[in-house]
Amino acid sequence: MTRRLRLTLRVDADNAPALGHGKIRLLEQIEQTGSISAAGRAMGMSYRRTWLLVDSVNRLFAEPVVAARPGGGGGARLTESGREVLALYRQAEEQATQGAADTLRRLEDYLAPVASS
């Protein structure tokens, strides 16, 4: 069996990690579940870790990307800006993947084969 490489994208702001596939997956889970805590559970994260990540993404942008209704169990949603950020990230990821496709195929030629069990 041959190993396959996949390109992931991380966006840095001022030389610090800002947005990557983990935070993007969290935003997608919030959009699907309508809940910050349910999104975190779906990703195997603690409530605190989930809220810290949402807060860091909200602080990164001029407008919040996630809007939570106050009070426990109130739900959450992506804002219009949040949906646009998500779409732009996925667009950049697709562009990077297309641009690197030949190089990734060449890199795969150098990978060790998957060990048989």
PDB file of N, CA and C in Angstrom:
ATOM      1  N   MET A   1       0.835  -1.175   0.000  1.00  0.00           N
ATOM      2  CA  MET A   1       0.000   0.000   0.000  1.00  0.00           C
ATOM      3  C   MET A   1       0.883   1.243   0.000  1.00  0.00           C
ATOM      4  N   THR A   2       0.504   2.228  -0.792  1.00  0.00           N
ATOM      5  CA  THR A   2       1.275   3.453  -0.924  1.00  0.00           C
ATOM      6  C   THR A   2       0.694   4.538  -0.019  1.00  0.00           C
ATOM      7  N   ARG A   3       1.566   5.296   0.560  1.00  0.00           N
ATOM      8  CA  ARG A   3       1.123   6.418   1.395  1.00  0.00           C
ATOM      9  C   ARG A   3       0.739   7.589   0.509  1.00  0.00           C
ATOM     10  N   ARG A   4      -0.245   8.350   0.951  1.00  0.00           N
ATOM     11  CA  ARG A   4      -0.686   9.539   0.225  1.00  0.00           C
ATOM     12  C   ARG A   4      -0.449  10.765   1.107  1.00  0.00           C
ATOM     13  N   LEU A   5       0.084  11.791   0.507  1.00  0.00           N
ATOM     14  CA  LEU A   5       0.307  13.038   1.223  1.00  0.00           C
ATOM     15  C   LEU A   5      -0.877  13.973   1.008  1.00  0.00           C
ATOM     16  N   ARG A   6      -1.114  14.805   2.003  1.00  0.00           N
ATOM     17  CA  ARG A   6      -2.172  15.806   1.925  1.00  0.00           C
ATOM     18  C   ARG A   6      -1.603  17.111   2.448  1.00  0.00           C
ATOM     19  N   LEU A   7      -1.857  18.160   1.738  1.00  0.00           N
ATOM     20  CA  LEU A   7      -1.393  19.483   2.135  1.00  0.00           C
ATOM     21  C   LEU A   7      -2.403  20.114   3.081  1.00  0.00           C
ATOM     22  N   THR A   8      -1.923  20.671   4.186  1.00  0.00           N
ATOM     23  CA  THR A   8      -2.779  21.457   5.068  1.00  0.00           C
ATOM     24  C   THR A   8      -2.250  22.879   5.085  1.00  0.00           C
ATOM     25  N   LEU A   9      -3.111  23.783   5.438  1.00  0.00           N
ATOM     26  CA  LEU A   9      -2.773  25.196   5.377  1.00  0.00           C
ATOM     27  C   LEU A   9      -2.840  25.807   6.769  1.00  0.00           C
ATOM     28  N   ARG A  10      -1.825  26.580   7.111  1.00  0.00           N
ATOM     29  CA  ARG A  10      -1.853  27.361   8.349  1.00  0.00           C
ATOM     30  C   ARG A  10      -1.575  28.805   7.970  1.00  0.00           C
ATOM     31  N   VAL A  11      -2.407  29.680   8.459  1.00  0.00           N
ATOM     32  CA  VAL A  11      -2.264  31.106   8.199  1.00  0.00           C
ATOM     33  C   VAL A  11      -1.706  31.750   9.458  1.00  0.00           C
ATOM     34  N   ASP A  12      -0.620  32.485   9.301  1.00  0.00           N
ATOM     35  CA  ASP A  12      -0.005  33.197  10.419  1.00  0.00           C
ATOM     36  C   ASP A  12      -0.339  34.679  10.329  1.00  0.00           C
ATOM     37  N   ALA A  13      -0.446  35.311  11.467  1.00  0.00           N
ATOM     38  CA  ALA A  13      -0.625  36.758  11.547  1.00  0.00           C
ATOM     39  C   ALA A  13       0.486  37.298  12.440  1.00  0.00           C
ATOM     40  N   ASP A  14       1.249  38.231  11.916  1.00  0.00           N
ATOM     41  CA  ASP A  14       2.362  38.806  12.671  1.00  0.00           C
ATOM     42  C   ASP A  14       3.288  37.714  13.208  1.00  0.00           C
ATOM     43  N   ASN A  15       3.626  36.765  12.364  1.00  0.00           N
ATOM     44  CA  ASN A  15       4.562  35.675  12.681  1.00  0.00           C
ATOM     45  C   ASN A  15       4.072  34.725  13.769  1.00  0.00           C
ATOM     46  N   ALA A  16       2.778  34.686  14.014  1.00  0.00           N
ATOM     47  CA  ALA A  16       2.216  33.759  15.002  1.00  0.00           C
ATOM     48  C   ALA A  16       1.080  32.978  14.348  1.00  0.00           C
ATOM     49  N   PRO A  17       0.955  31.694  14.682  1.00  0.00           N
ATOM     50  CA  PRO A  17      -0.148  30.907  14.109  1.00  0.00           C
ATOM     51  C   PRO A  17      -1.493  31.558  14.427  1.00  0.00           C
ATOM     52  N   ALA A  18      -2.322  31.688  13.392  1.00  0.00           N
ATOM     53  CA  ALA A  18      -3.608  32.354  13.588  1.00  0.00           C
ATOM     54  C   ALA A  18      -4.783  31.459  13.221  1.00  0.00           C
ATOM     55  N   LEU A  19      -4.682  30.777  12.107  1.00  0.00           N
ATOM     56  CA  LEU A  19      -5.811  30.011  11.605  1.00  0.00           C
ATOM     57  C   LEU A  19      -5.285  28.796  10.856  1.00  0.00           C
ATOM     58  N   GLY A  20      -5.765  27.637  11.247  1.00  0.00           N
ATOM     59  CA  GLY A  20      -5.342  26.406  10.600  1.00  0.00           C
ATOM     60  C   GLY A  20      -6.477  25.425  10.517  1.00  0.00           C
ATOM     61  N   HIS A  21      -6.152  24.199  10.102  1.00  0.00           N
ATOM     62  CA  HIS A  21      -7.214  23.225   9.857  1.00  0.00           C
ATOM     63  C   HIS A  21      -8.005  22.872  11.119  1.00  0.00           C
ATOM     64  N   GLY A  22      -7.409  22.928  12.294  1.00  0.00           N
ATOM     65  CA  GLY A  22      -8.138  22.620  13.525  1.00  0.00           C
ATOM     66  C   GLY A  22      -9.200  23.659  13.852  1.00  0.00           C
ATOM     67  N   LYS A  23      -8.836  24.917  13.785  1.00  0.00           N
ATOM     68  CA  LYS A  23      -9.809  25.979  14.062  1.00  0.00           C
ATOM     69  C   LYS A  23     -10.884  26.020  12.980  1.00  0.00           C
ATOM     70  N   ILE A  24     -10.499  25.752  11.752  1.00  0.00           N
ATOM     71  CA  ILE A  24     -11.480  25.724  10.668  1.00  0.00           C
ATOM     72  C   ILE A  24     -12.464  24.574  10.874  1.00  0.00           C
ATOM     73  N   ARG A  25     -11.968  23.403  11.268  1.00  0.00           N
ATOM     74  CA  ARG A  25     -12.861  22.279  11.567  1.00  0.00           C
ATOM     75  C   ARG A  25     -13.810  22.636  12.708  1.00  0.00           C
ATOM     76  N   LEU A  26     -13.304  23.361  13.701  1.00  0.00           N
ATOM     77  CA  LEU A  26     -14.158  23.784  14.813  1.00  0.00           C
ATOM     78  C   LEU A  26     -15.265  24.715  14.314  1.00  0.00           C
ATOM     79  N   LEU A  27     -14.927  25.663  13.462  1.00  0.00           N
ATOM     80  CA  LEU A  27     -15.946  26.545  12.904  1.00  0.00           C
ATOM     81  C   LEU A  27     -16.986  25.745  12.123  1.00  0.00           C
ATOM     82  N   GLU A  28     -16.540  24.770  11.359  1.00  0.00           N
ATOM     83  CA  GLU A  28     -17.486  23.932  10.615  1.00  0.00           C
ATOM     84  C   GLU A  28     -18.393  23.143  11.554  1.00  0.00           C
ATOM     85  N   GLN A  29     -17.837  22.654  12.651  1.00  0.00           N
ATOM     86  CA  GLN A  29     -18.656  21.919  13.625  1.00  0.00           C
ATOM     87  C   GLN A  29     -19.673  22.841  14.301  1.00  0.00           C
ATOM     88  N   ILE A  30     -19.278  24.067  14.583  1.00  0.00           N
ATOM     89  CA  ILE A  30     -20.217  25.028  15.171  1.00  0.00           C
ATOM     90  C   ILE A  30     -21.353  25.290  14.189  1.00  0.00           C
ATOM     91  N   GLU A  31     -21.012  25.445  12.931  1.00  0.00           N
ATOM     92  CA  GLU A  31     -22.034  25.669  11.908  1.00  0.00           C
ATOM     93  C   GLU A  31     -22.982  24.476  11.827  1.00  0.00           C
ATOM     94  N   GLN A  32     -22.447  23.263  11.939  1.00  0.00           N
ATOM     95  CA  GLN A  32     -23.269  22.048  11.841  1.00  0.00           C
ATOM     96  C   GLN A  32     -24.122  21.818  13.082  1.00  0.00           C
ATOM     97  N   THR A  33     -23.539  22.033  14.258  1.00  0.00           N
ATOM     98  CA  THR A  33     -24.232  21.679  15.496  1.00  0.00           C
ATOM     99  C   THR A  33     -25.025  22.828  16.103  1.00  0.00           C
ATOM    100  N   GLY A  34     -24.663  24.060  15.764  1.00  0.00           N
ATOM    101  CA  GLY A  34     -25.325  25.206  16.376  1.00  0.00           C
ATOM    102  C   GLY A  34     -24.944  25.402  17.829  1.00  0.00           C
ATOM    103  N   SER A  35     -23.796  24.820  18.225  1.00  0.00           N
ATOM    104  CA  SER A  35     -23.386  24.876  19.626  1.00  0.00           C
ATOM    105  C   SER A  35     -21.868  24.810  19.722  1.00  0.00           C
ATOM    106  N   ILE A  36     -21.303  25.701  20.521  1.00  0.00           N
ATOM    107  CA  ILE A  36     -19.856  25.680  20.735  1.00  0.00           C
ATOM    108  C   ILE A  36     -19.460  24.438  21.524  1.00  0.00           C
ATOM    109  N   SER A  37     -20.196  24.131  22.582  1.00  0.00           N
ATOM    110  CA  SER A  37     -19.831  22.965  23.403  1.00  0.00           C
ATOM    111  C   SER A  37     -20.029  21.660  22.635  1.00  0.00           C
ATOM    112  N   ALA A  38     -21.083  21.541  21.837  1.00  0.00           N
ATOM    113  CA  ALA A  38     -21.296  20.324  21.038  1.00  0.00           C
ATOM    114  C   ALA A  38     -20.209  20.181  19.981  1.00  0.00           C
ATOM    115  N   ALA A  39     -19.789  21.294  19.416  1.00  0.00           N
ATOM    116  CA  ALA A  39     -18.706  21.250  18.428  1.00  0.00           C
ATOM    117  C   ALA A  39     -17.424  20.746  19.076  1.00  0.00           C
ATOM    118  N   GLY A  40     -17.119  21.247  20.256  1.00  0.00           N
ATOM    119  CA  GLY A  40     -15.926  20.792  20.977  1.00  0.00           C
ATOM    120  C   GLY A  40     -15.994  19.312  21.317  1.00  0.00           C
ATOM    121  N   ARG A  41     -17.156  18.865  21.789  1.00  0.00           N
ATOM    122  CA  ARG A  41     -17.325  17.432  22.101  1.00  0.00           C
ATOM    123  C   ARG A  41     -17.108  16.578  20.860  1.00  0.00           C
ATOM    124  N   ALA A  42     -17.635  17.023  19.732  1.00  0.00           N
ATOM    125  CA  ALA A  42     -17.487  16.271  18.483  1.00  0.00           C
ATOM    126  C   ALA A  42     -16.021  16.148  18.072  1.00  0.00           C
ATOM    127  N   MET A  43     -15.210  17.098  18.522  1.00  0.00           N
ATOM    128  CA  MET A  43     -13.786  17.076  18.188  1.00  0.00           C
ATOM    129  C   MET A  43     -12.934  16.537  19.329  1.00  0.00           C
ATOM    130  N   GLY A  44     -13.583  16.098  20.418  1.00  0.00           N
ATOM    131  CA  GLY A  44     -12.839  15.533  21.543  1.00  0.00           C
ATOM    132  C   GLY A  44     -12.103  16.562  22.377  1.00  0.00           C
ATOM    133  N   MET A  45     -12.616  17.790  22.413  1.00  0.00           N
ATOM    134  CA  MET A  45     -11.964  18.851  23.174  1.00  0.00           C
ATOM    135  C   MET A  45     -12.773  19.201  24.419  1.00  0.00           C
ATOM    136  N   SER A  46     -12.065  19.704  25.403  1.00  0.00           N
ATOM    137  CA  SER A  46     -12.746  20.161  26.615  1.00  0.00           C
ATOM    138  C   SER A  46     -13.527  21.436  26.309  1.00  0.00           C
ATOM    139  N   TYR A  47     -14.498  21.696  27.156  1.00  0.00           N
ATOM    140  CA  TYR A  47     -15.309  22.904  27.047  1.00  0.00           C
ATOM    141  C   TYR A  47     -14.414  24.136  27.078  1.00  0.00           C
ATOM    142  N   ARG A  48     -13.485  24.168  28.014  1.00  0.00           N
ATOM    143  CA  ARG A  48     -12.586  25.326  28.156  1.00  0.00           C
ATOM    144  C   ARG A  48     -11.732  25.525  26.918  1.00  0.00           C
ATOM    145  N   ARG A  49     -11.136  24.458  26.415  1.00  0.00           N
ATOM    146  CA  ARG A  49     -10.279  24.550  25.221  1.00  0.00           C
ATOM    147  C   ARG A  49     -11.080  25.067  24.031  1.00  0.00           C
ATOM    148  N   THR A  50     -12.295  24.569  23.887  1.00  0.00           N
ATOM    149  CA  THR A  50     -13.151  24.990  22.781  1.00  0.00           C
ATOM    150  C   THR A  50     -13.430  26.486  22.860  1.00  0.00           C
ATOM    151  N   TRP A  51     -13.815  26.951  24.046  1.00  0.00           N
ATOM    152  CA  TRP A  51     -14.112  28.378  24.209  1.00  0.00           C
ATOM    153  C   TRP A  51     -12.876  29.245  23.996  1.00  0.00           C
ATOM    154  N   LEU A  52     -11.717  28.786  24.432  1.00  0.00           N
ATOM    155  CA  LEU A  52     -10.485  29.553  24.216  1.00  0.00           C
ATOM    156  C   LEU A  52     -10.173  29.683  22.732  1.00  0.00           C
ATOM    157  N   LEU A  53     -10.381  28.608  21.984  1.00  0.00           N
ATOM    158  CA  LEU A  53     -10.138  28.663  20.539  1.00  0.00           C
ATOM    159  C   LEU A  53     -11.124  29.599  19.846  1.00  0.00           C
ATOM    160  N   VAL A  54     -12.391  29.510  20.214  1.00  0.00           N
ATOM    161  CA  VAL A  54     -13.389  30.409  19.628  1.00  0.00           C
ATOM    162  C   VAL A  54     -13.035  31.859  19.949  1.00  0.00           C
ATOM    163  N   ASP A  55     -12.654  32.121  21.168  1.00  0.00           N
ATOM    164  CA  ASP A  55     -12.280  33.476  21.569  1.00  0.00           C
ATOM    165  C   ASP A  55     -11.073  33.970  20.775  1.00  0.00           C
ATOM    166  N   SER A  56     -10.082  33.100  20.573  1.00  0.00           N
ATOM    167  CA  SER A  56      -8.887  33.519  19.831  1.00  0.00           C
ATOM    168  C   SER A  56      -9.220  33.837  18.377  1.00  0.00           C
ATOM    169  N   VAL A  57     -10.129  33.065  17.770  1.00  0.00           N
ATOM    170  CA  VAL A  57     -10.536  33.347  16.394  1.00  0.00           C
ATOM    171  C   VAL A  57     -11.351  34.644  16.349  1.00  0.00           C
ATOM    172  N   ASN A  58     -12.249  34.821  17.278  1.00  0.00           N
ATOM    173  CA  ASN A  58     -13.047  36.057  17.300  1.00  0.00           C
ATOM    174  C   ASN A  58     -12.172  37.294  17.469  1.00  0.00           C
ATOM    175  N   ARG A  59     -11.134  37.197  18.294  1.00  0.00           N
ATOM    176  CA  ARG A  59     -10.245  38.346  18.519  1.00  0.00           C
ATOM    177  C   ARG A  59      -9.341  38.623  17.318  1.00  0.00           C
ATOM    178  N   LEU A  60      -9.116  37.601  16.490  1.00  0.00           N
ATOM    179  CA  LEU A  60      -8.233  37.742  15.335  1.00  0.00           C
ATOM    180  C   LEU A  60      -8.828  38.665  14.268  1.00  0.00           C
ATOM    181  N   PHE A  61     -10.126  38.618  14.123  1.00  0.00           N
ATOM    182  CA  PHE A  61     -10.775  39.358  13.048  1.00  0.00           C
ATOM    183  C   PHE A  61     -11.468  40.620  13.562  1.00  0.00           C
ATOM    184  N   ALA A  62     -11.690  41.570  12.656  1.00  0.00           N
ATOM    185  CA  ALA A  62     -12.313  42.845  13.016  1.00  0.00           C
ATOM    186  C   ALA A  62     -13.729  42.650  13.545  1.00  0.00           C
ATOM    187  N   GLU A  63     -14.431  41.655  13.002  1.00  0.00           N
ATOM    188  CA  GLU A  63     -15.776  41.328  13.459  1.00  0.00           C
ATOM    189  C   GLU A  63     -15.774  39.891  13.949  1.00  0.00           C
ATOM    190  N   PRO A  64     -16.582  39.563  14.947  1.00  0.00           N
ATOM    191  CA  PRO A  64     -16.628  38.176  15.434  1.00  0.00           C
ATOM    192  C   PRO A  64     -17.024  37.215  14.318  1.00  0.00           C
ATOM    193  N   VAL A  65     -16.449  36.032  14.350  1.00  0.00           N
ATOM    194  CA  VAL A  65     -16.820  34.995  13.381  1.00  0.00           C
ATOM    195  C   VAL A  65     -17.836  34.029  13.976  1.00  0.00           C
ATOM    196  N   VAL A  66     -17.888  33.962  15.312  1.00  0.00           N
ATOM    197  CA  VAL A  66     -18.860  33.119  16.012  1.00  0.00           C
ATOM    198  C   VAL A  66     -19.666  34.014  16.948  1.00  0.00           C
ATOM    199  N   ALA A  67     -20.980  33.876  16.873  1.00  0.00           N
ATOM    200  CA  ALA A  67     -21.868  34.595  17.779  1.00  0.00           C
ATOM    201  C   ALA A  67     -22.561  33.573  18.664  1.00  0.00           C
ATOM    202  N   ALA A  68     -22.416  33.743  19.973  1.00  0.00           N
ATOM    203  CA  ALA A  68     -23.058  32.839  20.936  1.00  0.00           C
ATOM    204  C   ALA A  68     -24.194  33.587  21.617  1.00  0.00           C
ATOM    205  N   ARG A  69     -25.297  32.910  21.787  1.00  0.00           N
ATOM    206  CA  ARG A  69     -26.394  33.490  22.556  1.00  0.00           C
ATOM    207  C   ARG A  69     -26.055  33.329  24.031  1.00  0.00           C
ATOM    208  N   PRO A  70     -26.271  34.367  24.822  1.00  0.00           N
ATOM    209  CA  PRO A  70     -25.913  34.284  26.241  1.00  0.00           C
ATOM    210  C   PRO A  70     -26.754  33.260  26.996  1.00  0.00           C
ATOM    211  N   GLY A  71     -26.150  32.735  28.043  1.00  0.00           N
ATOM    212  CA  GLY A  71     -26.833  31.739  28.877  1.00  0.00           C
ATOM    213  C   GLY A  71     -26.506  30.341  28.415  1.00  0.00           C
ATOM    214  N   GLY A  72     -26.326  29.450  29.332  1.00  0.00           N
ATOM    215  CA  GLY A  72     -25.981  28.070  29.007  1.00  0.00           C
ATOM    216  C   GLY A  72     -26.993  27.443  28.068  1.00  0.00           C
ATOM    217  N   GLY A  73     -26.510  26.727  27.088  1.00  0.00           N
ATOM    218  CA  GLY A  73     -27.367  26.035  26.150  1.00  0.00           C
ATOM    219  C   GLY A  73     -28.058  26.951  25.158  1.00  0.00           C
ATOM    220  N   GLY A  74     -27.585  28.189  25.056  1.00  0.00           N
ATOM    221  CA  GLY A  74     -28.227  29.151  24.172  1.00  0.00           C
ATOM    222  C   GLY A  74     -27.919  28.955  22.709  1.00  0.00           C
ATOM    223  N   GLY A  75     -26.886  28.210  22.398  1.00  0.00           N
ATOM    224  CA  GLY A  75     -26.539  27.971  21.012  1.00  0.00           C
ATOM    225  C   GLY A  75     -25.540  28.976  20.482  1.00  0.00           C
ATOM    226  N   ALA A  76     -25.063  28.703  19.292  1.00  0.00           N
ATOM    227  CA  ALA A  76     -24.082  29.566  18.643  1.00  0.00           C
ATOM    228  C   ALA A  76     -24.219  29.389  17.137  1.00  0.00           C
ATOM    229  N   ARG A  77     -23.691  30.373  16.424  1.00  0.00           N
ATOM    230  CA  ARG A  77     -23.722  30.296  14.974  1.00  0.00           C
ATOM    231  C   ARG A  77     -22.536  31.070  14.415  1.00  0.00           C
ATOM    232  N   LEU A  78     -22.203  30.770  13.179  1.00  0.00           N
ATOM    233  CA  LEU A  78     -21.208  31.585  12.497  1.00  0.00           C
ATOM    234  C   LEU A  78     -21.899  32.858  12.023  1.00  0.00           C
ATOM    235  N   THR A  79     -21.202  33.955  12.139  1.00  0.00           N
ATOM    236  CA  THR A  79     -21.708  35.213  11.606  1.00  0.00           C
ATOM    237  C   THR A  79     -21.495  35.202  10.091  1.00  0.00           C
ATOM    238  N   GLU A  80     -22.014  36.210   9.437  1.00  0.00           N
ATOM    239  CA  GLU A  80     -21.772  36.340   7.998  1.00  0.00           C
ATOM    240  C   GLU A  80     -20.267  36.411   7.736  1.00  0.00           C
ATOM    241  N   SER A  81     -19.552  37.178   8.565  1.00  0.00           N
ATOM    242  CA  SER A  81     -18.096  37.255   8.438  1.00  0.00           C
ATOM    243  C   SER A  81     -17.460  35.886   8.664  1.00  0.00           C
ATOM    244  N   GLY A  82     -17.974  35.143   9.615  1.00  0.00           N
ATOM    245  CA  GLY A  82     -17.451  33.812   9.903  1.00  0.00           C
ATOM    246  C   GLY A  82     -17.608  32.862   8.728  1.00  0.00           C
ATOM    247  N   ARG A  83     -18.761  32.905   8.086  1.00  0.00           N
ATOM    248  CA  ARG A  83     -18.976  32.049   6.914  1.00  0.00           C
ATOM    249  C   ARG A  83     -18.043  32.453   5.777  1.00  0.00           C
ATOM    250  N   GLU A  84     -17.807  33.747   5.642  1.00  0.00           N
ATOM    251  CA  GLU A  84     -16.886  34.225   4.600  1.00  0.00           C
ATOM    252  C   GLU A  84     -15.447  33.822   4.904  1.00  0.00           C
ATOM    253  N   VAL A  85     -15.032  33.948   6.164  1.00  0.00           N
ATOM    254  CA  VAL A  85     -13.685  33.512   6.562  1.00  0.00           C
ATOM    255  C   VAL A  85     -13.504  32.027   6.263  1.00  0.00           C
ATOM    256  N   LEU A  86     -14.481  31.235   6.615  1.00  0.00           N
ATOM    257  CA  LEU A  86     -14.444  29.798   6.358  1.00  0.00           C
ATOM    258  C   LEU A  86     -14.309  29.518   4.863  1.00  0.00           C
ATOM    259  N   ALA A  87     -15.117  30.174   4.050  1.00  0.00           N
ATOM    260  CA  ALA A  87     -15.071  29.970   2.601  1.00  0.00           C
ATOM    261  C   ALA A  87     -13.733  30.410   2.013  1.00  0.00           C
ATOM    262  N   LEU A  88     -13.215  31.538   2.473  1.00  0.00           N
ATOM    263  CA  LEU A  88     -11.926  32.028   1.962  1.00  0.00           C
ATOM    264  C   LEU A  88     -10.783  31.099   2.342  1.00  0.00           C
ATOM    265  N   TYR A  89     -10.813  30.574   3.567  1.00  0.00           N
ATOM    266  CA  TYR A  89      -9.777  29.624   3.978  1.00  0.00           C
ATOM    267  C   TYR A  89      -9.822  28.384   3.087  1.00  0.00           C
ATOM    268  N   ARG A  90     -11.012  27.823   2.885  1.00  0.00           N
ATOM    269  CA  ARG A  90     -11.148  26.620   2.052  1.00  0.00           C
ATOM    270  C   ARG A  90     -10.725  26.911   0.617  1.00  0.00           C
ATOM    271  N   GLN A  91     -10.993  28.106   0.123  1.00  0.00           N
ATOM    272  CA  GLN A  91     -10.559  28.488  -1.222  1.00  0.00           C
ATOM    273  C   GLN A  91      -9.036  28.543  -1.297  1.00  0.00           C
ATOM    274  N   ALA A  92      -8.398  29.158  -0.313  1.00  0.00           N
ATOM    275  CA  ALA A  92      -6.931  29.229  -0.283  1.00  0.00           C
ATOM    276  C   ALA A  92      -6.330  27.838  -0.176  1.00  0.00           C
ATOM    277  N   GLU A  93      -6.947  26.978   0.628  1.00  0.00           N
ATOM    278  CA  GLU A  93      -6.471  25.607   0.787  1.00  0.00           C
ATOM    279  C   GLU A  93      -6.539  24.856  -0.550  1.00  0.00           C
ATOM    280  N   GLU A  94      -7.627  25.013  -1.266  1.00  0.00           N
ATOM    281  CA  GLU A  94      -7.784  24.356  -2.566  1.00  0.00           C
ATOM    282  C   GLU A  94      -6.757  24.879  -3.566  1.00  0.00           C
ATOM    283  N   GLN A  95      -6.541  26.178  -3.580  1.00  0.00           N
ATOM    284  CA  GLN A  95      -5.556  26.764  -4.483  1.00  0.00           C
ATOM    285  C   GLN A  95      -4.153  26.252  -4.171  1.00  0.00           C
ATOM    286  N   ALA A  96      -3.809  26.182  -2.885  1.00  0.00           N
ATOM    287  CA  ALA A  96      -2.492  25.678  -2.488  1.00  0.00           C
ATOM    288  C   ALA A  96      -2.327  24.206  -2.861  1.00  0.00           C
ATOM    289  N   THR A  97      -3.381  23.427  -2.652  1.00  0.00           N
ATOM    290  CA  THR A  97      -3.338  22.001  -2.980  1.00  0.00           C
ATOM    291  C   THR A  97      -3.142  21.803  -4.477  1.00  0.00           C
ATOM    292  N   GLN A  98      -3.873  22.539  -5.278  1.00  0.00           N
ATOM    293  CA  GLN A  98      -3.723  22.431  -6.730  1.00  0.00           C
ATOM    294  C   GLN A  98      -2.316  22.834  -7.164  1.00  0.00           C
ATOM    295  N   GLY A  99      -1.808  23.909  -6.576  1.00  0.00           N
ATOM    296  CA  GLY A  99      -0.479  24.392  -6.936  1.00  0.00           C
ATOM    297  C   GLY A  99       0.639  23.439  -6.544  1.00  0.00           C
ATOM    298  N   ALA A 100       0.435  22.666  -5.484  1.00  0.00           N
ATOM    299  CA  ALA A 100       1.472  21.766  -4.984  1.00  0.00           C
ATOM    300  C   ALA A 100       1.279  20.310  -5.428  1.00  0.00           C
ATOM    301  N   ALA A 101       0.274  20.031  -6.237  1.00  0.00           N
ATOM    302  CA  ALA A 101      -0.067  18.646  -6.582  1.00  0.00           C
ATOM    303  C   ALA A 101       1.110  17.885  -7.183  1.00  0.00           C
ATOM    304  N   ASP A 102       1.800  18.456  -8.148  1.00  0.00           N
ATOM    305  CA  ASP A 102       2.925  17.751  -8.777  1.00  0.00           C
ATOM    306  C   ASP A 102       4.053  17.500  -7.786  1.00  0.00           C
ATOM    307  N   THR A 103       4.352  18.485  -6.961  1.00  0.00           N
ATOM    308  CA  THR A 103       5.411  18.339  -5.964  1.00  0.00           C
ATOM    309  C   THR A 103       5.055  17.262  -4.943  1.00  0.00           C
ATOM    310  N   LEU A 104       3.813  17.231  -4.497  1.00  0.00           N
ATOM    311  CA  LEU A 104       3.392  16.203  -3.541  1.00  0.00           C
ATOM    312  C   LEU A 104       3.505  14.812  -4.148  1.00  0.00           C
ATOM    313  N   ARG A 105       3.131  14.666  -5.418  1.00  0.00           N
ATOM    314  CA  ARG A 105       3.275  13.360  -6.078  1.00  0.00           C
ATOM    315  C   ARG A 105       4.736  12.938  -6.121  1.00  0.00           C
ATOM    316  N   ARG A 106       5.616  13.883  -6.398  1.00  0.00           N
ATOM    317  CA  ARG A 106       7.052  13.558  -6.421  1.00  0.00           C
ATOM    318  C   ARG A 106       7.559  13.189  -5.027  1.00  0.00           C
ATOM    319  N   LEU A 107       7.074  13.900  -4.008  1.00  0.00           N
ATOM    320  CA  LEU A 107       7.456  13.568  -2.627  1.00  0.00           C
ATOM    321  C   LEU A 107       6.994  12.167  -2.244  1.00  0.00           C
ATOM    322  N   GLU A 108       5.798  11.795  -2.689  1.00  0.00           N
ATOM    323  CA  GLU A 108       5.260  10.471  -2.374  1.00  0.00           C
ATOM    324  C   GLU A 108       6.167   9.359  -2.900  1.00  0.00           C
ATOM    325  N   ASP A 109       6.866   9.614  -3.987  1.00  0.00           N
ATOM    326  CA  ASP A 109       7.789   8.609  -4.536  1.00  0.00           C
ATOM    327  C   ASP A 109       8.907   8.270  -3.555  1.00  0.00           C
ATOM    328  N   TYR A 110       9.212   9.165  -2.632  1.00  0.00           N
ATOM    329  CA  TYR A 110      10.293   8.966  -1.685  1.00  0.00           C
ATOM    330  C   TYR A 110       9.835   8.360  -0.347  1.00  0.00           C
ATOM    331  N   LEU A 111       8.536   8.237  -0.168  1.00  0.00           N
ATOM    332  CA  LEU A 111       8.020   7.697   1.100  1.00  0.00           C
ATOM    333  C   LEU A 111       8.283   6.207   1.211  1.00  0.00           C
ATOM    334  N   ALA A 112       8.538   5.776   2.435  1.00  0.00           N
ATOM    335  CA  ALA A 112       8.667   4.348   2.707  1.00  0.00           C
ATOM    336  C   ALA A 112       7.294   3.702   2.545  1.00  0.00           C
ATOM    337  N   PRO A 113       7.260   2.473   2.074  1.00  0.00           N
ATOM    338  CA  PRO A 113       5.963   1.803   1.945  1.00  0.00           C
ATOM    339  C   PRO A 113       5.355   1.535   3.321  1.00  0.00           C
ATOM    340  N   VAL A 114       4.046   1.417   3.349  1.00  0.00           N
ATOM    341  CA  VAL A 114       3.330   1.083   4.576  1.00  0.00           C
ATOM    342  C   VAL A 114       3.644  -0.358   4.919  1.00  0.00           C
ATOM    343  N   ALA A 115       4.029  -0.598   6.159  1.00  0.00           N
ATOM    344  CA  ALA A 115       4.374  -1.963   6.601  1.00  0.00           C
ATOM    345  C   ALA A 115       3.123  -2.830   6.636  1.00  0.00           C
ATOM    346  N   SER A 116       3.243  -4.042   6.140  1.00  0.00           N
ATOM    347  CA  SER A 116       2.132  -4.995   6.210  1.00  0.00           C
ATOM    348  C   SER A 116       2.044  -5.568   7.601  1.00  0.00           C
ATOM    349  N   SER A 117       0.820  -5.826   8.075  1.00  0.00           N
ATOM    350  CA  SER A 117       0.693  -6.407   9.410  1.00  0.00           C
ATOM    351  C   SER A 117       0.419  -7.880   9.340  1.00  0.00           C
TER     352      SER A 117
END
